[in-house]
Amino acid sequence: MEKKALFKSELVNTVIGSETFFKGSLQTQRSIRIEGGFEGEINSQGEVYIGENSRVKANVFAKRIIIAGEITGNVEAIGGLHICKTGKVYGDITGDQLIIEEGAVYRGKVNMDIISSKNAYEGNLQLTRT
């Protein structure tokens, strides 16, 4: 059986490479992939992928977020949040769908009732085994 890709890599418009560190505020209408270090704030109308060896200290707002690395900060994903088995999240989560794979680390609060002032609807929580 073929495994579905978590992140649509062909749609990535911005990549922060493995040997790159970015500090500041990043806003984009498209998707972003972070493989290096990032500190500040990310606001994306597309997907945000936090790579396995990345370290992010930021508040992140995006349509969909996949975390395989480490993030410290609050996360708001209006189209779903997926924490992979290698992922570590230290902060509060707001979103409509949350998937946490076995082995992932998560410390914080989850709010799935309200998604920013623009969107208010219920979501669901799904825990998976790999």
Protein backbone atom coordinates (compact mmCIF):
# COMPACT_ATOMS: atom_id res chain seq x y z
CA MET A 1 0.00 0.00 0.00
CA GLU A 2 1.34 3.41 -1.00
CA LYS A 3 1.79 5.92 1.83
CA LYS A 4 0.25 9.35 1.23
CA ALA A 5 2.72 12.22 1.46
CA LEU A 6 2.19 14.46 4.48
CA PHE A 7 3.43 17.58 2.74
CA LYS A 8 2.88 18.60 -0.87
CA SER A 9 6.53 19.36 -1.63
CA GLU A 10 5.79 20.36 -5.23
CA LEU A 11 3.80 23.33 -3.89
CA VAL A 12 6.61 24.73 -1.69
CA ASN A 13 7.49 28.29 -2.60
CA THR A 14 9.96 29.10 0.18
CA VAL A 15 12.63 26.90 1.78
CA ILE A 16 14.85 27.78 4.72
CA GLY A 17 17.72 25.33 4.29
CA SER A 18 19.37 23.10 6.86
CA GLU A 19 22.37 25.40 7.34
CA THR A 20 20.31 28.59 7.49
CA PHE A 21 19.03 30.53 10.50
CA PHE A 22 16.31 33.17 10.07
CA LYS A 23 15.22 35.66 12.73
CA GLY A 24 12.23 37.93 12.24
CA SER A 25 8.68 37.93 10.92
CA LEU A 26 7.79 35.94 7.83
CA GLN A 27 4.49 36.41 5.99
CA THR A 28 3.57 34.52 2.84
CA GLN A 29 0.54 33.64 0.75
CA ARG A 30 2.19 30.33 -0.17
CA SER A 31 3.74 27.28 1.50
CA ILE A 32 7.05 27.23 3.36
CA ARG A 33 9.43 24.46 4.41
CA ILE A 34 11.86 25.02 7.27
CA GLU A 35 14.84 22.69 7.56
CA GLY A 36 17.12 25.02 9.55
CA GLY A 37 16.59 27.42 12.42
CA PHE A 38 13.89 30.04 12.75
CA GLU A 39 13.04 32.56 15.48
CA GLY A 40 10.19 35.04 15.38
CA GLU A 41 6.75 34.70 13.77
CA ILE A 42 5.38 32.82 10.75
CA ASN A 43 2.09 33.70 9.06
CA SER A 44 1.25 31.61 5.99
CA GLN A 45 -1.89 31.22 3.92
CA GLY A 46 -0.48 27.86 2.76
CA GLU A 47 1.19 24.90 4.45
CA VAL A 48 4.11 25.13 6.86
CA TYR A 49 6.43 22.12 7.16
CA ILE A 50 8.91 22.03 10.06
CA GLY A 51 11.64 19.57 9.01
CA GLU A 52 13.00 16.78 11.19
CA ASN A 53 16.27 18.51 12.14
CA SER A 54 14.86 22.02 12.44
CA ARG A 55 14.50 24.12 15.59
CA VAL A 56 11.85 26.82 15.57
CA LYS A 57 11.09 29.37 18.29
CA ALA A 58 8.06 31.15 16.88
CA ASN A 59 4.34 31.62 16.94
CA VAL A 60 3.02 30.02 13.77
CA PHE A 61 -0.27 30.68 12.00
CA ALA A 62 -1.01 28.72 8.81
CA LYS A 63 -3.63 26.87 6.86
CA ARG A 64 -2.00 23.50 7.61
CA ILE A 65 1.10 22.66 9.65
CA ILE A 66 3.22 19.50 9.68
CA ILE A 67 5.85 19.25 12.42
CA ALA A 68 8.67 16.71 12.21
CA GLY A 69 11.23 18.87 14.07
CA GLU A 70 11.07 20.96 17.23
CA ILE A 71 8.93 24.06 17.77
CA THR A 72 8.62 26.27 20.82
CA GLY A 73 5.70 28.68 20.53
CA ASN A 74 1.98 28.81 19.94
CA VAL A 75 0.56 27.18 16.82
CA GLU A 76 -2.71 27.94 15.02
CA ALA A 77 -3.58 25.68 12.08
CA ILE A 78 -6.97 26.35 10.51
CA GLY A 79 -6.72 23.36 8.17
CA GLY A 80 -5.10 20.79 10.46
CA LEU A 81 -1.96 20.13 12.49
CA HIS A 82 0.07 16.93 12.19
CA ILE A 83 2.84 16.20 14.70
CA CYS A 84 5.04 13.43 13.31
CA LYS A 85 6.72 10.80 15.50
CA THR A 86 9.95 12.86 15.46
CA GLY A 87 8.10 16.11 16.22
CA LYS A 88 8.29 18.09 19.45
CA VAL A 89 5.87 20.91 20.26
CA TYR A 90 6.19 23.12 23.34
CA GLY A 91 3.31 25.59 23.25
CA ASP A 92 -0.43 25.99 22.88
CA ILE A 93 -2.29 24.65 19.85
CA THR A 94 -5.43 26.00 18.20
CA GLY A 95 -6.95 24.25 15.22
CA ASP A 96 -9.70 22.20 13.69
CA GLN A 97 -7.90 18.85 13.42
CA LEU A 98 -4.98 17.46 15.40
CA ILE A 99 -3.03 14.31 14.64
CA ILE A 100 -0.23 13.26 17.01
CA GLU A 101 1.79 10.20 16.01
CA GLU A 102 3.06 7.77 18.62
CA GLY A 103 6.48 8.92 19.82
CA ALA A 104 5.82 12.63 19.31
CA VAL A 105 6.32 15.06 22.21
CA TYR A 106 3.71 17.68 23.03
CA ARG A 107 3.46 20.03 26.03
CA GLY A 108 0.82 22.73 26.09
CA LYS A 109 -2.89 23.43 25.85
CA VAL A 110 -5.21 22.46 23.02
CA ASN A 111 -8.13 24.65 21.95
CA MET A 112 -10.26 23.18 19.21
CA ASP A 113 -13.40 25.26 19.83
CA ILE A 114 -12.29 28.59 18.42
CA ILE A 115 -9.94 29.24 15.55
CA SER A 116 -9.03 32.93 15.61
CA SER A 117 -11.70 35.58 15.43
CA LYS A 118 -12.28 34.78 11.74
CA ASN A 119 -13.22 31.11 12.08
CA ALA A 120 -15.28 29.39 14.75
CA TYR A 121 -16.12 25.73 14.32
CA GLU A 122 -15.48 22.43 16.03
CA GLY A 123 -12.67 20.12 15.05
CA ASN A 124 -11.58 16.60 15.94
CA LEU A 125 -8.62 14.92 17.59
CA GLN A 126 -7.01 11.81 16.19
CA LEU A 127 -4.15 9.84 17.75
CA THR A 128 -2.37 7.45 15.40
CA ARG A 129 0.04 4.54 15.75
CA THR A 130 2.82 4.04 13.24
